[in-house]
């Protein structure tokens, strides 16, 4: 049976104060709390990415992941996870730890001490599709080194940043010693599938309660609809290229015309 791997980013008490280009990925804590309640009610066992990839695991599971390393992951997300006894994997952009609104080492270590998994989200968060093999290898090796040195613990999971995936990242992640690679292609993670091709479903501020609960039921119709929407965005990314696509996306999200 498959796993549902959900991809989150930040929480904010005032989502409307978040820059418009990032607002689609930001949830209010009250919304995330309701989702945590729905997860508990679903009966799905909550696992980290590495637990899901282990040989012994439940037949159907839920994996929560958080990308980037925003400070709200510690301040707002962690208390809710602990309250509902949920696990999560936090993918940290290693090159900006403690800068701006990202978590510092005390926050990251506290997540790890609370039983959460820490994974890599590369060093610089550059779109992987714009990087050659040498640059990808640096992003994967150096980010793990930084995180393992700071944690004093192994880091074996990585997620691909941005929507610009580079297929070569799979082979390089294996080569340099990771055990799994998560990315943003919509779908369920199949049992006995490739741990370096872990599909995830993004949870956004536009994700309504009924849709979220349908995901928890592994409703294929909902997954297919989200995948079709993603294919349209993927076509635009390929046609326009990273720089142009991001400019166009920023233009429309500022005007509230793009989810």
Protein backbone atom coordinates (compact mmCIF):
# COMPACT_ATOMS: atom_id res chain seq x y z
CA UNK A 1 0.00 0.00 0.00
CA UNK A 2 1.22 3.56 -0.64
CA UNK A 3 2.04 6.45 1.64
CA UNK A 4 0.64 9.95 1.43
CA UNK A 5 3.55 12.38 1.79
CA UNK A 6 2.36 15.93 2.44
CA UNK A 7 4.59 18.92 1.73
CA UNK A 8 4.24 21.99 3.94
CA UNK A 9 6.26 25.16 4.30
CA UNK A 10 5.46 27.90 6.84
CA UNK A 11 2.78 28.77 9.36
CA UNK A 12 1.86 32.37 10.17
CA UNK A 13 -0.60 34.03 12.54
CA UNK A 14 -1.04 36.71 9.87
CA UNK A 15 -0.78 34.99 6.45
CA UNK A 16 -1.89 38.17 4.66
CA UNK A 17 1.31 39.85 5.89
CA UNK A 18 3.45 37.28 4.07
CA UNK A 19 4.91 38.47 0.73
CA UNK A 20 2.34 37.64 -1.98
CA UNK A 21 4.68 35.42 -4.00
CA UNK A 22 5.11 33.07 -1.01
CA UNK A 23 1.61 33.39 0.45
CA UNK A 24 0.17 30.31 -1.35
CA UNK A 25 2.44 28.10 0.78
CA UNK A 26 1.63 29.62 4.18
CA UNK A 27 -1.07 28.30 6.50
CA UNK A 28 -2.61 29.80 9.62
CA UNK A 29 -1.86 27.74 12.76
CA UNK A 30 -5.60 27.21 13.29
CA UNK A 31 -5.84 25.60 9.85
CA UNK A 32 -2.88 23.33 10.52
CA UNK A 33 -4.38 22.38 13.90
CA UNK A 34 -7.62 21.29 12.19
CA UNK A 35 -5.56 19.26 9.75
CA UNK A 36 -3.70 17.62 12.64
CA UNK A 37 -7.05 16.70 14.17
CA UNK A 38 -8.16 15.19 10.85
CA UNK A 39 -4.92 13.21 10.61
CA UNK A 40 -5.43 11.72 14.07
CA UNK A 41 -9.06 10.91 13.25
CA UNK A 42 -7.98 9.16 10.02
CA UNK A 43 -6.04 6.55 11.95
CA UNK A 44 -3.10 6.80 9.54
CA UNK A 45 0.20 6.18 11.35
CA UNK A 46 2.41 9.29 11.09
CA UNK A 47 5.97 8.46 10.02
CA UNK A 48 9.11 10.34 9.06
CA UNK A 49 10.48 9.90 5.55
CA UNK A 50 13.19 7.55 6.79
CA UNK A 51 10.68 5.48 8.78
CA UNK A 52 8.57 5.10 5.64
CA UNK A 53 11.60 3.93 3.68
CA UNK A 54 12.50 1.29 6.30
CA UNK A 55 11.82 -2.40 5.49
CA UNK A 56 9.26 -2.78 8.31
CA UNK A 57 6.44 -0.27 8.09
CA UNK A 58 2.66 -0.19 8.24
CA UNK A 59 0.69 -1.06 5.08
CA UNK A 60 -0.63 2.50 4.71
CA UNK A 61 0.91 5.60 6.25
CA UNK A 62 1.11 9.38 6.32
CA UNK A 63 4.35 11.37 6.14
CA UNK A 64 4.48 15.08 6.96
CA UNK A 65 7.34 17.12 5.48
CA UNK A 66 8.26 20.79 5.86
CA UNK A 67 10.57 22.49 3.37
CA UNK A 68 13.00 25.41 3.75
CA UNK A 69 13.42 25.75 7.55
CA UNK A 70 11.29 28.79 8.38
CA UNK A 71 11.39 29.74 12.07
CA UNK A 72 7.66 29.06 12.32
CA UNK A 73 8.50 25.36 11.98
CA UNK A 74 9.84 25.59 15.53
CA UNK A 75 7.69 28.32 17.02
CA UNK A 76 4.26 27.30 15.66
CA UNK A 77 4.48 23.88 14.01
CA UNK A 78 6.38 21.89 16.63
CA UNK A 79 3.94 22.56 19.51
CA UNK A 80 1.01 21.34 17.39
CA UNK A 81 2.89 18.24 16.27
CA UNK A 82 3.75 17.38 19.86
CA UNK A 83 0.20 18.04 21.06
CA UNK A 84 -1.20 15.55 18.53
CA UNK A 85 1.75 13.15 18.78
CA UNK A 86 2.67 13.51 15.13
CA UNK A 87 6.06 13.02 13.50
CA UNK A 88 7.50 15.06 10.63
CA UNK A 89 10.61 15.46 8.51
CA UNK A 90 12.01 19.00 8.26
CA UNK A 91 14.12 19.68 5.18
CA UNK A 92 16.53 22.51 6.01
CA UNK A 93 18.27 24.82 3.54
CA UNK A 94 21.69 24.50 5.13
CA UNK A 95 23.32 27.65 3.77
CA UNK A 96 20.89 30.08 5.43
CA UNK A 97 20.52 28.60 8.92
CA UNK A 98 19.96 31.46 11.38
CA UNK A 99 19.59 34.08 8.64
CA UNK A 100 16.50 36.25 8.44
CA UNK A 101 13.35 34.23 9.15
CA UNK A 102 15.04 30.82 9.07
CA UNK A 103 15.57 28.65 12.12
CA UNK A 104 18.84 28.78 14.04
CA UNK A 105 20.74 25.78 15.36
CA UNK A 106 18.97 25.84 18.74
CA UNK A 107 15.63 25.48 16.92
CA UNK A 108 16.84 22.70 14.64
CA UNK A 109 18.39 20.77 17.53
CA UNK A 110 15.15 21.14 19.50
CA UNK A 111 13.19 19.63 16.59
CA UNK A 112 15.62 16.72 16.46
CA UNK A 113 15.50 16.22 20.25
CA UNK A 114 11.68 16.12 20.04
CA UNK A 115 11.86 13.12 17.70
CA UNK A 116 11.52 14.93 14.38
CA UNK A 117 13.72 14.03 11.42
CA UNK A 118 16.09 16.61 9.95
CA UNK A 119 16.80 16.33 6.24
CA UNK A 120 18.65 18.38 3.64
CA UNK A 121 17.09 20.92 1.29
CA UNK A 122 20.45 21.68 -0.38
CA UNK A 123 22.79 24.55 0.51
CA UNK A 124 21.47 27.46 -1.55
CA UNK A 125 17.93 26.46 -2.64
CA UNK A 126 18.83 27.13 -6.28
CA UNK A 127 16.60 25.43 -8.87
CA UNK A 128 18.24 22.03 -9.49
CA UNK A 129 17.35 22.15 -13.20
CA UNK A 130 19.81 25.06 -13.57
CA UNK A 131 22.72 23.15 -12.00
CA UNK A 132 25.26 20.83 -13.59
CA UNK A 133 26.39 17.58 -11.97
CA UNK A 134 29.31 19.18 -10.14
CA UNK A 135 27.08 21.88 -8.69
CA UNK A 136 24.44 19.35 -7.69
CA UNK A 137 27.05 17.19 -6.02
CA UNK A 138 28.26 20.19 -4.02
CA UNK A 139 24.72 21.11 -2.94
CA UNK A 140 24.04 17.57 -1.71
CA UNK A 141 27.39 16.83 -0.05
CA UNK A 142 27.94 20.21 1.59
CA UNK A 143 24.39 20.55 2.92
CA UNK A 144 24.62 17.16 4.60
CA UNK A 145 28.03 18.02 6.06
CA UNK A 146 26.71 21.26 7.55
CA UNK A 147 23.63 19.58 9.02
CA UNK A 148 25.46 16.54 10.40
CA UNK A 149 28.16 18.72 11.96
CA UNK A 150 25.52 20.92 13.60
CA UNK A 151 23.31 18.06 14.78
CA UNK A 152 25.89 15.43 15.63
CA UNK A 153 23.58 12.92 13.93
CA UNK A 154 23.25 11.33 10.47
CA UNK A 155 21.22 13.09 7.77
CA UNK A 156 20.01 10.61 5.16
CA UNK A 157 16.94 12.25 3.56
CA UNK A 158 16.91 15.11 1.06
CA UNK A 159 14.19 17.01 -0.80
CA UNK A 160 14.51 18.87 -4.07
CA UNK A 161 13.94 22.65 -3.75
CA UNK A 162 11.70 24.70 -6.06
CA UNK A 163 9.54 23.15 -8.74
CA UNK A 164 12.48 22.82 -11.15
CA UNK A 165 13.57 19.21 -10.66
CA UNK A 166 16.74 17.77 -12.19
CA UNK A 167 16.43 14.00 -12.82
CA UNK A 168 20.20 13.66 -12.34
CA UNK A 169 19.64 14.48 -8.68
CA UNK A 170 18.42 10.91 -8.11
CA UNK A 171 21.67 9.26 -9.18
CA UNK A 172 23.82 11.82 -7.38
CA UNK A 173 21.83 11.48 -4.14
CA UNK A 174 22.44 7.73 -4.24
CA UNK A 175 26.09 8.21 -5.10
CA UNK A 176 26.85 10.54 -2.19
CA UNK A 177 25.09 8.41 0.41
CA UNK A 178 21.52 9.63 0.91
CA UNK A 179 18.82 7.03 1.48
CA UNK A 180 15.88 8.92 -0.05
CA UNK A 181 14.95 11.85 -2.28
CA UNK A 182 11.60 13.62 -2.04
CA UNK A 183 10.36 16.01 -4.68
CA UNK A 184 7.21 17.88 -5.60
CA UNK A 185 5.57 15.66 -8.19
CA UNK A 186 1.98 15.05 -7.11
CA UNK A 187 1.15 11.46 -6.28
CA UNK A 188 1.23 8.78 -3.63
CA UNK A 189 4.53 7.17 -2.68
CA UNK A 190 4.16 3.53 -3.77
CA UNK A 191 5.07 0.71 -1.44
CA UNK A 192 8.31 -0.94 -2.61
CA UNK A 193 8.82 2.00 -4.97
CA UNK A 194 12.06 3.89 -5.56
CA UNK A 195 13.03 5.79 -2.36
CA UNK A 196 14.69 8.37 -4.63
CA UNK A 197 11.41 9.20 -6.36
CA UNK A 198 9.12 10.03 -3.45
CA UNK A 199 6.04 11.90 -4.66
CA UNK A 200 4.52 14.54 -2.41
CA UNK A 201 1.32 16.57 -2.33
CA UNK A 202 1.70 20.25 -1.47
CA UNK A 203 -0.66 21.63 1.17
CA UNK A 204 -1.44 25.26 0.36
CA UNK A 205 -3.67 27.96 1.74
CA UNK A 206 -6.11 27.06 -1.04
CA UNK A 207 -6.38 23.44 0.19
CA UNK A 208 -9.90 23.21 1.53
CA UNK A 209 -10.96 20.93 4.36
CA UNK A 210 -12.94 18.58 2.10
CA UNK A 211 -9.96 18.23 -0.24
CA UNK A 212 -7.59 17.56 2.66
CA UNK A 213 -9.88 14.87 4.06
CA UNK A 214 -10.16 13.32 0.58
CA UNK A 215 -6.36 13.12 0.48
CA UNK A 216 -6.35 11.34 3.84
CA UNK A 217 -8.69 8.77 2.28
CA UNK A 218 -6.15 8.36 -0.57
CA UNK A 219 -8.89 9.40 -2.99
CA UNK A 220 -7.47 8.83 -6.46
CA UNK A 221 -9.81 11.33 -8.11
CA UNK A 222 -8.44 14.15 -5.95
CA UNK A 223 -4.85 13.08 -6.66
CA UNK A 224 -5.52 13.00 -10.41
CA UNK A 225 -7.07 16.48 -10.36
CA UNK A 226 -4.10 17.93 -8.48
CA UNK A 227 -1.73 16.19 -10.88
CA UNK A 228 -3.49 17.72 -13.90
CA UNK A 229 -3.13 21.16 -12.36
CA UNK A 230 0.54 20.50 -11.76
CA UNK A 231 1.08 19.40 -15.36
CA UNK A 232 -0.13 22.79 -16.56
CA UNK A 233 2.35 24.53 -14.26
CA UNK A 234 5.12 22.14 -15.32
CA UNK A 235 4.49 22.92 -18.97
CA UNK A 236 4.77 26.63 -18.21
CA UNK A 237 8.02 26.08 -16.27
CA UNK A 238 9.55 24.16 -19.17
CA UNK A 239 8.36 26.61 -21.80
CA UNK A 240 9.41 29.76 -19.95
CA UNK A 241 12.46 28.57 -18.02
CA UNK A 242 13.11 29.22 -14.31
CA UNK A 243 13.78 32.97 -14.37
CA UNK A 244 10.90 33.96 -16.64
CA UNK A 245 8.46 31.57 -15.00
CA UNK A 246 9.25 32.92 -11.53
CA UNK A 247 8.81 36.51 -12.73
CA UNK A 248 5.47 35.68 -14.32
CA UNK A 249 4.36 33.75 -11.25
CA UNK A 250 5.33 36.64 -8.98
CA UNK A 251 3.38 39.08 -11.18
CA UNK A 252 0.18 37.04 -10.95
CA UNK A 253 0.45 36.05 -7.29
CA UNK A 254 0.94 39.68 -6.26
CA UNK A 255 -2.41 40.34 -7.96
CA UNK A 256 -4.03 37.31 -6.37
CA UNK A 257 -4.60 35.63 -9.74
CA UNK A 258 -2.43 32.53 -9.29
CA UNK A 259 -2.70 29.91 -6.53
